[in-house]
N, C-alpha and C. Protein backbone atom coordinates (compact mmCIF):
# COMPACT_ATOMS: atom_id res chain seq x y z
N UNK A 1 18.55 9.37 -17.71
CA UNK A 1 17.57 8.75 -18.59
C UNK A 1 18.20 7.58 -19.33
N UNK A 2 19.45 7.74 -19.73
CA UNK A 2 20.15 6.68 -20.45
C UNK A 2 20.26 5.42 -19.59
N UNK A 3 20.50 5.59 -18.30
CA UNK A 3 20.64 4.44 -17.40
C UNK A 3 19.30 3.73 -17.20
N UNK A 4 18.23 4.49 -17.18
CA UNK A 4 16.90 3.89 -17.04
C UNK A 4 16.59 2.98 -18.23
N UNK A 5 16.94 3.42 -19.42
CA UNK A 5 16.71 2.61 -20.62
C UNK A 5 17.53 1.32 -20.57
N UNK A 6 18.75 1.39 -20.07
CA UNK A 6 19.60 0.20 -19.96
C UNK A 6 19.01 -0.76 -18.93
N UNK A 7 18.54 -0.26 -17.82
CA UNK A 7 17.94 -1.10 -16.77
C UNK A 7 16.68 -1.79 -17.30
N UNK A 8 15.85 -1.06 -18.00
CA UNK A 8 14.62 -1.65 -18.56
C UNK A 8 14.98 -2.71 -19.59
N UNK A 9 15.95 -2.46 -20.44
CA UNK A 9 16.37 -3.45 -21.44
C UNK A 9 16.91 -4.70 -20.77
N UNK A 10 17.70 -4.55 -19.72
CA UNK A 10 18.25 -5.70 -19.00
C UNK A 10 17.12 -6.51 -18.36
N UNK A 11 16.09 -5.85 -17.86
CA UNK A 11 14.95 -6.53 -17.25
C UNK A 11 14.27 -7.44 -18.27
N UNK A 12 14.00 -6.91 -19.46
CA UNK A 12 13.31 -7.69 -20.48
C UNK A 12 14.17 -8.85 -20.99
N UNK A 13 15.46 -8.65 -21.12
CA UNK A 13 16.35 -9.72 -21.56
C UNK A 13 16.41 -10.81 -20.51
N UNK A 14 16.43 -10.43 -19.24
CA UNK A 14 16.55 -11.42 -18.18
C UNK A 14 15.25 -12.20 -17.95
N UNK A 15 14.14 -11.76 -18.50
CA UNK A 15 12.86 -12.44 -18.30
C UNK A 15 12.64 -13.59 -19.26
N UNK A 16 13.46 -13.74 -20.26
CA UNK A 16 13.27 -14.85 -21.18
C UNK A 16 14.07 -16.05 -20.69
N UNK A 17 13.45 -17.22 -20.79
CA UNK A 17 14.05 -18.47 -20.32
C UNK A 17 13.83 -19.51 -21.40
N UNK A 18 14.81 -20.37 -21.62
CA UNK A 18 14.68 -21.43 -22.63
C UNK A 18 14.95 -22.79 -22.01
N UNK A 19 14.28 -23.79 -22.58
CA UNK A 19 14.55 -25.19 -22.25
C UNK A 19 14.74 -25.93 -23.57
N UNK A 20 15.51 -27.01 -23.53
CA UNK A 20 15.91 -27.69 -24.76
C UNK A 20 15.66 -29.19 -24.66
N UNK A 21 15.49 -29.82 -25.83
CA UNK A 21 15.43 -31.27 -25.94
C UNK A 21 15.82 -31.67 -27.35
N UNK A 22 16.03 -32.95 -27.55
CA UNK A 22 16.31 -33.51 -28.87
C UNK A 22 15.20 -34.47 -29.23
N UNK A 23 14.91 -34.57 -30.53
CA UNK A 23 13.91 -35.52 -31.02
C UNK A 23 14.28 -35.93 -32.43
N UNK A 24 14.13 -37.22 -32.74
CA UNK A 24 14.39 -37.69 -34.09
C UNK A 24 13.17 -38.46 -34.58
N UNK A 25 12.44 -37.89 -35.55
CA UNK A 25 11.32 -38.62 -36.14
C UNK A 25 11.82 -39.91 -36.79
N UNK A 26 10.94 -40.90 -36.87
CA UNK A 26 11.31 -42.22 -37.40
C UNK A 26 11.81 -42.16 -38.84
N UNK A 27 11.27 -41.25 -39.64
CA UNK A 27 11.66 -41.20 -41.06
C UNK A 27 12.79 -40.20 -41.34
N UNK A 28 13.41 -39.68 -40.30
CA UNK A 28 14.50 -38.71 -40.47
C UNK A 28 15.82 -39.35 -40.03
N UNK A 29 16.90 -39.02 -40.72
CA UNK A 29 18.21 -39.54 -40.31
C UNK A 29 18.88 -38.65 -39.29
N UNK A 30 18.49 -37.40 -39.25
CA UNK A 30 19.09 -36.42 -38.35
C UNK A 30 18.07 -35.99 -37.31
N UNK A 31 18.51 -35.86 -36.06
CA UNK A 31 17.62 -35.42 -34.99
C UNK A 31 17.35 -33.93 -35.05
N UNK A 32 16.29 -33.52 -34.36
CA UNK A 32 15.93 -32.10 -34.27
C UNK A 32 16.40 -31.56 -32.92
N UNK A 33 17.01 -30.38 -32.94
CA UNK A 33 17.30 -29.62 -31.72
C UNK A 33 16.09 -28.74 -31.46
N UNK A 34 15.41 -28.97 -30.36
CA UNK A 34 14.17 -28.26 -30.06
C UNK A 34 14.40 -27.34 -28.87
N UNK A 35 13.98 -26.09 -29.02
CA UNK A 35 14.06 -25.09 -27.95
C UNK A 35 12.67 -24.53 -27.71
N UNK A 36 12.27 -24.49 -26.45
CA UNK A 36 11.04 -23.82 -26.06
C UNK A 36 11.45 -22.59 -25.26
N UNK A 37 11.10 -21.42 -25.76
CA UNK A 37 11.54 -20.17 -25.16
C UNK A 37 10.34 -19.43 -24.57
N UNK A 38 10.45 -19.11 -23.29
CA UNK A 38 9.41 -18.32 -22.60
C UNK A 38 9.85 -16.87 -22.61
N UNK A 39 9.01 -16.03 -23.19
CA UNK A 39 9.29 -14.60 -23.24
C UNK A 39 8.46 -13.87 -22.20
N UNK A 40 8.63 -12.58 -22.14
CA UNK A 40 7.87 -11.73 -21.22
C UNK A 40 6.38 -11.89 -21.52
N UNK A 41 5.57 -12.01 -20.49
CA UNK A 41 4.13 -12.08 -20.67
C UNK A 41 3.60 -13.46 -20.98
N UNK A 42 4.36 -14.51 -20.63
CA UNK A 42 3.92 -15.89 -20.87
C UNK A 42 3.66 -16.19 -22.34
N UNK A 43 4.52 -15.69 -23.21
CA UNK A 43 4.51 -16.07 -24.62
C UNK A 43 5.55 -17.16 -24.80
N UNK A 44 5.21 -18.20 -25.56
CA UNK A 44 6.11 -19.32 -25.75
C UNK A 44 6.38 -19.51 -27.23
N UNK A 45 7.66 -19.61 -27.58
CA UNK A 45 8.09 -19.81 -28.96
C UNK A 45 8.79 -21.16 -29.04
N UNK A 46 8.45 -21.95 -30.05
CA UNK A 46 9.08 -23.24 -30.24
C UNK A 46 9.97 -23.16 -31.47
N UNK A 47 11.23 -23.51 -31.29
CA UNK A 47 12.22 -23.49 -32.37
C UNK A 47 12.69 -24.92 -32.65
N UNK A 48 12.81 -25.27 -33.92
CA UNK A 48 13.41 -26.53 -34.33
C UNK A 48 14.62 -26.17 -35.18
N UNK A 49 15.79 -26.60 -34.73
CA UNK A 49 17.05 -26.28 -35.42
C UNK A 49 17.17 -24.78 -35.69
N UNK A 50 16.90 -23.99 -34.67
CA UNK A 50 17.00 -22.52 -34.70
C UNK A 50 16.01 -21.84 -35.63
N UNK A 51 14.96 -22.54 -36.05
CA UNK A 51 13.91 -21.96 -36.88
C UNK A 51 12.63 -21.92 -36.07
N UNK A 52 12.04 -20.74 -35.94
CA UNK A 52 10.80 -20.62 -35.20
C UNK A 52 9.67 -21.29 -35.98
N UNK A 53 9.01 -22.27 -35.35
CA UNK A 53 7.97 -23.02 -36.05
C UNK A 53 6.60 -22.89 -35.40
N UNK A 54 6.54 -22.50 -34.13
CA UNK A 54 5.26 -22.50 -33.44
C UNK A 54 5.26 -21.46 -32.33
N UNK A 55 4.12 -20.77 -32.19
CA UNK A 55 3.95 -19.76 -31.15
C UNK A 55 2.78 -20.15 -30.27
N UNK A 56 2.89 -19.88 -28.99
CA UNK A 56 1.80 -20.11 -28.07
C UNK A 56 1.71 -18.98 -27.08
N UNK A 57 0.49 -18.60 -26.73
CA UNK A 57 0.28 -17.49 -25.80
C UNK A 57 -0.98 -17.76 -25.00
N UNK A 58 -0.90 -17.51 -23.70
CA UNK A 58 -2.07 -17.67 -22.85
C UNK A 58 -3.04 -16.51 -23.10
N UNK A 59 -4.31 -16.82 -23.42
CA UNK A 59 -5.31 -15.76 -23.57
C UNK A 59 -5.60 -15.11 -22.21
N UNK A 60 -6.09 -13.92 -22.26
CA UNK A 60 -6.44 -13.20 -21.03
C UNK A 60 -7.49 -14.01 -20.27
N UNK A 61 -7.27 -14.21 -18.99
CA UNK A 61 -8.19 -14.92 -18.08
C UNK A 61 -8.35 -16.40 -18.40
N UNK A 62 -7.43 -16.99 -19.12
CA UNK A 62 -7.48 -18.43 -19.40
C UNK A 62 -6.20 -19.08 -18.87
N UNK A 63 -6.30 -20.34 -18.54
CA UNK A 63 -5.15 -21.06 -17.99
C UNK A 63 -4.58 -22.10 -18.94
N UNK A 64 -5.02 -22.08 -20.21
CA UNK A 64 -4.46 -23.03 -21.16
C UNK A 64 -4.51 -22.48 -22.58
N UNK A 65 -3.71 -23.08 -23.44
CA UNK A 65 -3.73 -22.76 -24.87
C UNK A 65 -3.28 -23.99 -25.63
N UNK A 66 -3.54 -23.97 -26.92
CA UNK A 66 -3.01 -25.02 -27.80
C UNK A 66 -2.72 -24.42 -29.16
N UNK A 67 -1.61 -24.88 -29.74
CA UNK A 67 -1.17 -24.42 -31.06
C UNK A 67 -0.71 -25.64 -31.84
N UNK A 68 -0.85 -25.58 -33.16
CA UNK A 68 -0.43 -26.70 -34.00
C UNK A 68 0.08 -26.19 -35.33
N UNK A 69 0.97 -26.99 -35.95
CA UNK A 69 1.54 -26.65 -37.25
C UNK A 69 2.04 -27.95 -37.90
N UNK A 70 2.12 -27.95 -39.20
CA UNK A 70 2.76 -29.05 -39.92
C UNK A 70 4.18 -28.58 -40.26
N UNK A 71 5.17 -29.33 -39.81
CA UNK A 71 6.57 -28.98 -40.03
C UNK A 71 7.27 -30.19 -40.66
N UNK A 72 7.79 -30.01 -41.86
CA UNK A 72 8.48 -31.08 -42.61
C UNK A 72 7.64 -32.35 -42.65
N UNK A 73 6.34 -32.20 -42.85
CA UNK A 73 5.45 -33.34 -42.96
C UNK A 73 5.03 -33.97 -41.64
N UNK A 74 5.41 -33.35 -40.52
CA UNK A 74 5.06 -33.87 -39.20
C UNK A 74 4.15 -32.88 -38.48
N UNK A 75 3.14 -33.38 -37.80
CA UNK A 75 2.22 -32.53 -37.05
C UNK A 75 2.82 -32.25 -35.67
N UNK A 76 3.10 -30.97 -35.41
CA UNK A 76 3.59 -30.54 -34.10
C UNK A 76 2.46 -29.84 -33.37
N UNK A 77 2.23 -30.23 -32.14
CA UNK A 77 1.22 -29.60 -31.30
C UNK A 77 1.88 -29.17 -30.00
N UNK A 78 1.51 -27.99 -29.54
CA UNK A 78 2.01 -27.46 -28.28
C UNK A 78 0.81 -27.13 -27.41
N UNK A 79 0.76 -27.74 -26.23
CA UNK A 79 -0.31 -27.50 -25.27
C UNK A 79 0.31 -26.85 -24.04
N UNK A 80 -0.28 -25.76 -23.60
CA UNK A 80 0.22 -25.09 -22.41
C UNK A 80 -0.86 -24.98 -21.36
N UNK A 81 -0.48 -25.18 -20.10
CA UNK A 81 -1.40 -24.88 -19.01
C UNK A 81 -0.61 -24.34 -17.84
N UNK A 82 -1.27 -23.54 -17.03
CA UNK A 82 -0.61 -22.93 -15.88
C UNK A 82 -1.49 -23.08 -14.66
N UNK A 83 -0.84 -23.08 -13.52
CA UNK A 83 -1.56 -23.17 -12.26
C UNK A 83 -0.78 -22.44 -11.19
N UNK A 84 -1.50 -21.98 -10.20
CA UNK A 84 -0.89 -21.29 -9.07
C UNK A 84 -0.68 -22.28 -7.94
N UNK A 85 0.47 -22.19 -7.32
CA UNK A 85 0.82 -23.08 -6.21
C UNK A 85 1.21 -22.24 -5.00
N UNK A 86 0.90 -22.73 -3.80
CA UNK A 86 1.34 -21.98 -2.62
C UNK A 86 2.85 -21.95 -2.54
N UNK A 87 3.37 -20.78 -2.25
CA UNK A 87 4.81 -20.61 -2.12
C UNK A 87 5.18 -20.35 -0.68
N UNK A 88 6.37 -19.86 -0.45
CA UNK A 88 6.79 -19.57 0.92
C UNK A 88 5.96 -18.43 1.53
N UNK A 89 5.60 -18.60 2.78
CA UNK A 89 4.80 -17.57 3.46
C UNK A 89 3.42 -17.49 2.86
N UNK A 90 2.96 -16.27 2.63
CA UNK A 90 1.66 -16.05 2.02
C UNK A 90 1.74 -15.84 0.52
N UNK A 91 2.88 -16.11 -0.07
CA UNK A 91 3.09 -15.88 -1.49
C UNK A 91 2.59 -17.07 -2.32
N UNK A 92 2.26 -16.79 -3.56
CA UNK A 92 1.85 -17.82 -4.52
C UNK A 92 2.83 -17.79 -5.67
N UNK A 93 3.06 -18.92 -6.26
CA UNK A 93 3.95 -19.01 -7.41
C UNK A 93 3.19 -19.65 -8.58
N UNK A 94 3.59 -19.32 -9.79
CA UNK A 94 2.93 -19.86 -10.97
C UNK A 94 3.81 -20.92 -11.61
N UNK A 95 3.22 -22.05 -11.94
CA UNK A 95 3.92 -23.12 -12.64
C UNK A 95 3.29 -23.29 -14.01
N UNK A 96 4.11 -23.32 -15.04
CA UNK A 96 3.62 -23.44 -16.42
C UNK A 96 4.18 -24.73 -17.03
N UNK A 97 3.29 -25.51 -17.63
CA UNK A 97 3.68 -26.74 -18.33
C UNK A 97 3.41 -26.56 -19.82
N UNK A 98 4.39 -26.91 -20.63
CA UNK A 98 4.26 -26.88 -22.08
C UNK A 98 4.52 -28.31 -22.58
N UNK A 99 3.48 -28.95 -23.11
CA UNK A 99 3.61 -30.30 -23.66
C UNK A 99 3.83 -30.20 -25.16
N UNK A 100 4.79 -30.96 -25.66
CA UNK A 100 5.06 -30.99 -27.09
C UNK A 100 4.71 -32.38 -27.62
N UNK A 101 3.84 -32.41 -28.63
CA UNK A 101 3.40 -33.65 -29.26
C UNK A 101 3.83 -33.61 -30.73
N UNK A 102 4.47 -34.68 -31.21
CA UNK A 102 4.83 -34.79 -32.62
C UNK A 102 4.19 -36.07 -33.15
N UNK A 103 3.36 -35.93 -34.15
CA UNK A 103 2.67 -37.07 -34.76
C UNK A 103 1.99 -37.95 -33.72
N UNK A 104 1.24 -37.33 -32.83
CA UNK A 104 0.44 -38.03 -31.81
C UNK A 104 1.26 -38.70 -30.72
N UNK A 105 2.56 -38.44 -30.63
CA UNK A 105 3.40 -38.99 -29.58
C UNK A 105 3.99 -37.84 -28.76
N UNK A 106 3.88 -37.94 -27.43
CA UNK A 106 4.43 -36.88 -26.58
C UNK A 106 5.95 -36.96 -26.59
N UNK A 107 6.57 -35.82 -26.90
CA UNK A 107 8.01 -35.73 -26.96
C UNK A 107 8.56 -35.32 -25.60
N UNK A 108 7.97 -34.29 -25.01
CA UNK A 108 8.46 -33.80 -23.72
C UNK A 108 7.39 -32.93 -23.05
N UNK A 109 7.66 -32.62 -21.80
CA UNK A 109 6.84 -31.70 -21.03
C UNK A 109 7.78 -30.70 -20.37
N UNK A 110 7.84 -29.48 -20.91
CA UNK A 110 8.69 -28.43 -20.34
C UNK A 110 7.95 -27.82 -19.15
N UNK A 111 8.68 -27.57 -18.06
CA UNK A 111 8.07 -26.94 -16.88
C UNK A 111 8.83 -25.65 -16.59
N UNK A 112 8.11 -24.55 -16.58
CA UNK A 112 8.70 -23.23 -16.30
C UNK A 112 8.16 -22.72 -14.97
């Protein structure tokens, strides 16, 4: 039983994936370290300088979401959409795009 718990814990840890970028707002002297983390179940967390600032989650039976927050006087928006693509053989694969907008300017497009 102890080994089963370890295997399940390793599965959940291995399912999270992160992507990173840098951004410096015009009125800031220091840039932001931005991390977009995909957790189990297509939940997305956005971190700025290791502080969680925005959450996004795909609703049941929907292929997109949007989240927004004001962070240090800047409007951050996260848009997510997913689509299925043909994979090898008869398999299908899912591609997820997370767009990050700061003050009406696109910063990046993360692809998971």
